[in-house]
Protein backbone atom coordinates (compact mmCIF):
# COMPACT_ATOMS: atom_id res chain seq x y z
CA MET A 1 26.37 -52.78 13.19
CA LEU A 2 26.52 -52.22 9.45
CA ASN A 3 22.90 -51.06 9.41
CA TRP A 4 23.64 -48.50 12.13
CA LEU A 5 26.60 -47.20 10.15
CA LYS A 6 24.43 -46.87 7.05
CA ARG A 7 21.76 -45.00 9.00
CA GLY A 8 24.36 -42.74 10.53
CA PHE A 9 25.82 -41.98 7.13
CA ILE A 10 22.38 -41.18 5.70
CA VAL A 11 21.53 -38.88 8.62
CA ALA A 12 24.89 -37.09 8.34
CA ALA A 13 24.52 -36.71 4.57
CA ALA A 14 20.99 -35.37 4.98
CA ALA A 15 22.15 -32.88 7.64
CA MET A 16 25.00 -31.72 5.42
CA ALA A 17 22.65 -31.30 2.45
CA ALA A 18 20.20 -29.33 4.60
CA TYR A 19 22.99 -27.10 5.88
CA ILE A 20 24.31 -26.43 2.38
CA ALA A 21 20.79 -25.70 1.12
CA TYR A 22 20.17 -23.33 4.05
CA THR A 23 23.41 -21.40 3.59
CA ARG A 24 22.81 -21.06 -0.14
CA LEU A 25 19.15 -20.06 0.20
CA LYS A 26 19.69 -17.56 3.00
CA PRO A 27 20.67 -14.17 1.55
CA ARG A 28 23.16 -12.15 3.57
CA PRO A 29 21.79 -9.08 5.39
CA ILE A 30 22.48 -5.76 3.68
CA PRO A 31 23.16 -2.53 5.58
CA VAL A 32 20.50 0.16 5.65
CA GLU A 33 22.92 2.57 3.98
CA ALA A 34 23.10 0.30 0.93
CA LEU A 35 19.46 0.95 0.05
CA HIS A 36 18.83 4.11 -1.94
CA THR A 37 16.31 6.43 -0.35
CA ASP A 38 15.22 10.01 -0.86
CA GLY A 39 13.98 10.06 2.72
CA GLN A 40 15.63 11.17 5.94
CA PHE A 41 15.94 10.12 9.57
CA VAL A 42 14.71 11.56 12.84
CA THR A 43 15.37 10.30 16.38
CA VAL A 44 12.19 9.21 18.15
CA ASP A 45 12.30 7.42 21.53
CA ASP A 46 16.05 6.87 21.01
CA LEU A 47 15.37 5.14 17.67
CA ARG A 48 16.32 6.25 14.16
CA ILE A 49 13.03 6.50 12.28
CA HIS A 50 13.12 6.74 8.51
CA TYR A 51 10.55 8.95 6.80
CA ARG A 52 9.84 10.91 3.66
CA THR A 53 8.08 14.26 3.45
CA ALA A 54 6.94 16.55 0.66
CA GLY A 55 4.34 19.16 -0.21
CA SER A 56 2.65 21.94 1.71
CA GLY A 57 -0.66 22.41 3.43
CA PRO A 58 -2.37 20.52 6.27
CA PRO A 59 -0.28 17.63 7.68
CA LEU A 60 -1.10 14.12 6.44
CA ILE A 61 0.63 11.05 7.90
CA LEU A 62 0.70 7.70 6.07
CA ILE A 63 1.21 4.51 8.11
CA HIS A 64 2.09 1.28 6.25
CA GLY A 65 1.17 -2.34 7.00
CA ILE A 66 3.04 -5.22 8.60
CA GLY A 67 6.32 -6.21 6.98
CA ALA A 68 6.09 -3.24 4.61
CA SER A 69 7.60 0.25 4.50
CA LEU A 70 6.83 3.70 3.15
CA PHE A 71 7.32 2.16 -0.31
CA ALA A 72 3.66 1.07 0.01
CA TRP A 73 2.58 4.68 -0.70
CA ARG A 74 4.62 5.19 -3.88
CA LEU A 75 1.57 5.60 -6.17
CA VAL A 76 -0.23 8.20 -4.05
CA PHE A 77 2.47 10.02 -2.07
CA ASP A 78 3.32 12.69 -4.65
CA ARG A 79 -0.32 13.22 -5.51
CA PHE A 80 -1.20 13.82 -1.86
CA ALA A 81 1.73 16.27 -1.70
CA GLN A 82 -0.16 18.56 -4.10
CA ASN A 83 -2.62 19.40 -1.31
CA TYR A 84 -0.95 18.39 1.96
CA THR A 85 2.36 18.28 3.78
CA VAL A 86 2.73 14.52 3.56
CA TYR A 87 4.78 12.37 5.91
CA ALA A 88 5.27 8.64 5.30
CA LEU A 89 7.29 6.87 7.97
CA ASP A 90 8.75 3.42 8.45
CA LEU A 91 7.46 2.13 11.77
CA LYS A 92 10.03 0.71 14.16
CA GLY A 93 11.01 -2.80 13.13
CA HIS A 94 10.19 -1.99 9.51
CA GLY A 95 11.79 -0.55 6.41
CA LEU A 96 14.95 1.42 7.12
CA SER A 97 13.99 2.37 10.68
CA ASP A 98 15.71 0.83 13.69
CA LYS A 99 14.61 -2.66 14.71
CA PRO A 100 14.95 -2.99 18.49
CA SER A 101 14.75 -6.56 19.75
CA SER A 102 12.61 -5.52 22.71
CA GLY A 103 9.92 -3.00 23.51
CA ASP A 104 6.21 -2.53 22.86
CA TYR A 105 5.08 -3.58 19.38
CA SER A 106 1.35 -3.42 20.14
CA PRO A 107 -0.97 -1.03 18.26
CA PHE A 108 -0.83 1.33 21.24
CA GLY A 109 2.96 1.10 21.49
CA MET A 110 3.22 1.93 17.79
CA ALA A 111 0.65 4.72 18.20
CA ASP A 112 2.78 6.29 20.93
CA LEU A 113 5.74 6.13 18.53
CA VAL A 114 3.72 7.99 15.86
CA ALA A 115 2.67 10.63 18.42
CA HIS A 116 6.31 11.10 19.44
CA PHE A 117 7.27 11.25 15.74
CA MET A 118 4.79 14.11 15.42
CA ASP A 119 6.35 15.80 18.45
CA ALA A 120 9.84 15.48 16.93
CA LEU A 121 8.69 17.16 13.71
CA GLY A 122 6.53 19.81 15.37
CA ILE A 123 3.21 18.41 14.09
CA ASP A 124 0.42 19.25 16.50
CA ARG A 125 -2.50 17.59 14.68
CA ALA A 126 -2.76 15.67 11.41
CA ASN A 127 -4.94 13.64 9.11
CA ILE A 128 -4.01 9.97 9.49
CA ILE A 129 -4.19 7.22 6.86
CA GLY A 130 -3.36 3.68 8.00
CA LEU A 131 -3.12 0.52 5.92
CA SER A 132 -3.69 -2.95 7.38
CA MET A 133 -1.53 -3.06 10.55
CA GLY A 134 -1.11 0.69 10.07
CA GLY A 135 -4.89 1.00 10.26
CA ALA A 136 -4.83 -0.53 13.75
CA VAL A 137 -2.01 1.87 14.67
CA GLY A 138 -4.04 4.82 13.33
CA ALA A 139 -7.11 3.71 15.28
CA ALA A 140 -5.02 3.29 18.44
CA LEU A 141 -3.60 6.79 17.90
CA ALA A 142 -7.14 8.19 17.66
CA ILE A 143 -8.00 6.40 20.93
CA ARG A 144 -4.81 7.11 22.89
CA HIS A 145 -4.07 10.59 21.47
CA PRO A 146 -7.40 11.93 20.14
CA ALA A 147 -6.21 15.54 20.07
CA ARG A 148 -3.56 14.60 17.47
CA VAL A 149 -5.99 13.19 14.87
CA GLU A 150 -7.94 15.52 12.58
CA ARG A 151 -9.47 12.82 10.37
CA LEU A 152 -8.85 9.09 10.18
CA VAL A 153 -8.78 6.82 7.12
CA LEU A 154 -8.55 3.06 7.69
CA ILE A 155 -7.62 0.91 4.68
CA SER A 156 -8.16 -2.87 5.04
CA ALA A 157 -7.38 -2.34 8.70
CA ALA A 158 -6.30 -4.81 11.34
CA GLY A 159 -7.48 -4.34 14.91
CA TYR A 160 -9.82 -7.18 15.83
CA ALA A 161 -8.81 -10.37 17.59
CA LEU A 162 -6.88 -12.96 15.62
CA ASN A 163 -6.92 -16.66 16.47
CA TYR A 164 -5.95 -16.74 20.15
CA HIS A 165 -5.20 -20.47 19.97
CA VAL A 166 -2.72 -20.09 17.12
CA MET A 167 -0.95 -16.86 18.13
CA PRO A 168 0.60 -18.12 21.42
CA LEU A 169 1.99 -21.13 19.55
CA LEU A 170 3.45 -18.83 16.88
CA VAL A 171 5.03 -16.67 19.59
CA ARG A 172 6.66 -19.69 21.22
CA PHE A 173 7.86 -21.19 17.95
CA ALA A 174 9.26 -17.93 16.56
CA GLY A 175 11.20 -17.48 19.80
CA THR A 176 13.05 -20.79 19.50
CA PRO A 177 16.34 -21.16 17.59
CA LEU A 178 14.57 -23.34 14.99
CA GLY A 179 11.68 -20.89 14.67
CA SER A 180 14.03 -17.94 14.34
CA ALA A 181 15.93 -19.72 11.57
CA VAL A 182 12.69 -20.57 9.74
CA VAL A 183 11.43 -16.99 10.02
CA ALA A 184 14.73 -15.60 8.74
CA LEU A 185 14.73 -18.01 5.82
CA VAL A 186 11.14 -17.23 4.83
CA LEU A 187 11.48 -13.44 5.12
CA ARG A 188 14.62 -13.40 3.03
CA GLN A 189 13.29 -15.40 0.12
CA ARG A 190 12.19 -13.16 -2.72
CA ARG A 191 9.86 -15.83 -4.05
CA MET A 192 8.02 -15.98 -0.71
CA VAL A 193 7.54 -12.21 -0.69
CA ALA A 194 6.28 -12.40 -4.28
CA TRP A 195 3.83 -15.15 -3.30
CA TYR A 196 2.49 -13.06 -0.41
CA LEU A 197 2.15 -9.96 -2.58
CA ARG A 198 0.18 -11.89 -5.18
CA ASN A 199 -2.35 -12.66 -2.45
CA CYS A 200 -2.67 -8.94 -1.72
CA TYR A 201 -3.97 -8.01 -5.18
CA TYR A 202 -7.09 -8.83 -7.14
CA ASP A 203 -5.03 -8.67 -10.35
CA PRO A 204 -1.53 -9.83 -9.32
CA ASP A 205 -0.29 -10.19 -12.90
CA ARG A 206 -0.79 -6.46 -13.39
CA MET A 207 0.51 -5.32 -10.00
CA CYS A 208 3.39 -7.68 -9.13
CA THR A 209 6.11 -6.33 -11.39
CA PRO A 210 9.76 -7.10 -10.55
CA ASP A 211 10.26 -3.52 -9.32
CA VAL A 212 7.30 -3.76 -6.96
CA ILE A 213 8.47 -7.09 -5.57
CA ASP A 214 11.96 -5.67 -4.98
CA GLY A 215 10.52 -2.54 -3.38
CA TYR A 216 8.80 -4.63 -0.72
CA PHE A 217 11.53 -7.30 -0.49
CA LEU A 218 14.82 -5.40 -0.17
CA PRO A 219 14.05 -3.66 3.16
CA LEU A 220 13.43 -7.13 4.64
CA LEU A 221 17.12 -7.88 4.09
CA THR A 222 18.24 -5.20 6.56
CA PRO A 223 19.68 -6.53 9.85
CA GLY A 224 17.27 -7.39 12.65
CA THR A 225 14.13 -7.94 10.59
CA GLU A 226 13.68 -11.60 11.55
CA GLY A 227 13.78 -10.74 15.27
CA ILE A 228 10.71 -8.55 14.97
CA VAL A 229 8.31 -11.37 14.06
CA PRO A 230 7.94 -12.90 17.54
CA LEU A 231 7.52 -9.42 19.03
CA LEU A 232 4.76 -8.53 16.57
CA ALA A 233 3.09 -11.89 17.17
CA ARG A 234 3.31 -11.35 20.93
CA ASP A 235 2.18 -7.70 21.13
CA PHE A 236 0.27 -6.94 17.95
CA GLY A 237 -1.20 -10.33 17.12
CA GLN A 238 -2.73 -10.72 20.55
CA THR A 239 -4.22 -7.23 20.98
CA SER A 240 -7.79 -6.35 20.00
CA LEU A 241 -9.14 -2.81 19.74
CA ALA A 242 -12.77 -3.94 19.55
CA HIS A 243 -13.85 -2.76 23.00
CA ARG A 244 -12.25 0.68 22.54
CA LEU A 245 -13.23 1.67 19.01
CA LYS A 246 -16.29 3.48 20.36
CA GLU A 247 -13.88 6.00 21.90
CA ILE A 248 -12.79 7.30 18.47
CA SER A 249 -14.20 10.78 17.96
CA ALA A 250 -12.37 11.77 14.77
CA PRO A 251 -14.39 11.60 11.53
CA THR A 252 -13.49 8.19 10.10
CA LEU A 253 -13.51 6.70 6.60
CA VAL A 254 -13.15 2.92 6.26
CA MET A 255 -11.98 1.59 2.88
CA TRP A 256 -11.85 -2.02 1.74
CA GLY A 257 -11.29 -4.13 -1.34
CA GLN A 258 -14.20 -6.39 -2.26
CA PHE A 259 -11.89 -9.39 -2.70
CA ASP A 260 -9.45 -8.81 0.15
CA ALA A 261 -7.79 -12.18 0.78
CA VAL A 262 -5.68 -10.91 3.70
CA ILE A 263 -8.26 -9.28 6.02
CA PRO A 264 -11.89 -10.16 5.27
CA LEU A 265 -14.35 -7.53 4.13
CA HIS A 266 -16.70 -8.27 7.05
CA TRP A 267 -14.13 -6.56 9.31
CA GLY A 268 -14.81 -3.38 7.32
CA TYR A 269 -18.48 -3.58 8.26
CA ARG A 270 -17.47 -4.16 11.91
CA PHE A 271 -15.35 -0.99 11.90
CA GLN A 272 -18.25 0.92 10.37
CA GLN A 273 -20.53 -0.29 13.18
CA ASP A 274 -18.09 0.12 16.05
CA ILE A 275 -16.84 3.65 15.22
CA ALA A 276 -19.49 6.34 15.58
CA ASN A 277 -20.58 7.80 12.24
CA ALA A 278 -17.85 5.96 10.32
CA GLU A 279 -18.31 5.70 6.56
CA LEU A 280 -17.44 2.60 4.52
CA VAL A 281 -16.34 2.55 0.87
CA VAL A 282 -15.85 -0.82 -0.84
CA PHE A 283 -13.78 -1.01 -4.03
CA PRO A 284 -15.03 -3.67 -6.46
CA LYS A 285 -12.46 -5.93 -8.14
CA CYS A 286 -9.86 -4.94 -5.56
CA GLY A 287 -7.77 -6.86 -3.04
CA HIS A 288 -5.99 -5.78 0.13
CA CYS A 289 -4.43 -2.64 -1.38
CA PRO A 290 -7.05 -0.44 -3.08
CA HIS A 291 -4.66 2.52 -2.86
CA GLU A 292 -2.44 0.65 -5.33
CA GLU A 293 -4.91 -1.18 -7.55
CA GLU A 294 -7.31 1.77 -7.87
CA ALA A 295 -5.05 4.72 -7.07
CA GLU A 296 -7.06 7.34 -8.97
CA LYS A 297 -10.40 6.38 -7.43
CA PHE A 298 -8.74 6.05 -4.03
CA LEU A 299 -7.33 9.58 -4.25
CA GLU A 300 -10.68 10.98 -5.36
CA VAL A 301 -12.53 9.42 -2.42
CA VAL A 302 -9.91 10.25 0.21
CA ASN A 303 -9.42 13.85 -0.94
CA GLY A 304 -13.17 14.35 -0.90
CA PHE A 305 -13.35 13.04 2.65
CA LEU A 306 -10.36 15.01 3.97
CA GLN A 307 -11.50 18.27 2.40
CA ARG A 308 -15.12 18.01 3.51
CA LYS A 309 -16.35 20.72 5.85
CA ASP A 310 -18.12 18.99 8.72
CA ALA A 311 -19.43 20.60 11.85
CA ALA A 312 -16.58 21.15 14.27
CA ARG A 313 -16.25 18.53 17.02
CA PRO A 314 -14.84 19.18 20.50
CA VAL A 315 -11.24 18.00 20.79
CA PRO A 316 -10.84 15.44 23.60
CA GLU A 317 -7.84 15.41 25.87
CA THR A 318 -4.99 13.06 25.05
CA GLU A 319 -4.96 9.84 27.04
CA SER A 320 -1.94 9.26 29.24
CA ALA A 321 0.71 7.13 27.55
CA THR A 322 0.78 4.95 30.64
CA ALA A 323 -2.88 3.96 30.35
CA SER A 324 -3.68 0.29 29.97
CA HIS A 325 -4.28 -1.09 26.47
CA SER A 326 -5.69 -4.39 27.59
C-alpha cells in the first residue's frame, strides 16, 4: 500500500511539474493588431488577407514559404519596387492573414486564393515569384490559371511528393489533443524558430540576427496558427505536382542554393527537367534562401530574367477552379 502511495505521489508531482513547465513555456497569443505593419488588408474569399504593395510598373507578386510571412521578402521588396508594382501577401493561415480552421490548404487551393487576390486588386496578369511552399503555389497557379502568369520564378520550391508513410501519421497526430498541444508549444518557442532558421542558411551566424528571428517568430504568436499545421500536412504535404508540371507554359526560372538543407538541390534539377524550357541557376555557398543570403546577385539574375524579351507565347485559357488536383 505504501509503495502505491509513493508511486501515486511521484506521478502526481511529475504531472504538476509538467503542467507548470508547459504553462510557463507556452507564450500567450498576441492579437494581429499588436504587430506593427506598413501593409494593408483586402477581403479575399471572405478572408482578411494581409499584403504590402509599392512601386510602379508591371505587376510582380511575391509568395512566401511555409510558416513564414511577407517578412521573408524584406531584403528585396523595395528594390523590386524600383521597376515593378510589387505585391507581397501573407497566404491564409500565415502572417497576419486570417487562419481558418477548415478549407483547402493544398497548392491548388492556395493558388486559387492568389488568383482571387489578383481579382480583388484588379491585377489581370503578373510575374510570380514563389519561395519553398510558395514555389509550389506559384507552379499550381501557372497550371490552374495560366493566363494570370507572365513569368514564373521558383526559389527552392516544394511541389514533389514527400514521405507518404510519414505524412498520414503526422496528420493524425497533429489532429489529436496531445498533438495540437505539442504543435502549439513548438511553434511558440522562439528558440525552436531560431533553430529552424539556422538550418535555412549556409551562414547562419551572419543571417540569424535577433531582428530576423523576431520577424519570423512574432507572426506565429497570432491566434489560430497552431491549428493550421494539420491542415497543411493533410492538404499540402500529401499533394504532388509532378505529373502536371509539363502543363506550365510560362517562361520559368528555377533558383536553388547549393547547400539547401531544407529541400534538396536535386529537386531543382527535377523542376528544370519537368517544366518545358525551364532554366536553373544554382547559388554557391547558399542555403534555402538565396534571396536573403545573396540578395544582390539574386536581384541581378531575376531582373535579367523578368526583363528579357522572349518570343511571345500564346496565352492558354484558365483552368476551371473546380478541376481536380489529384
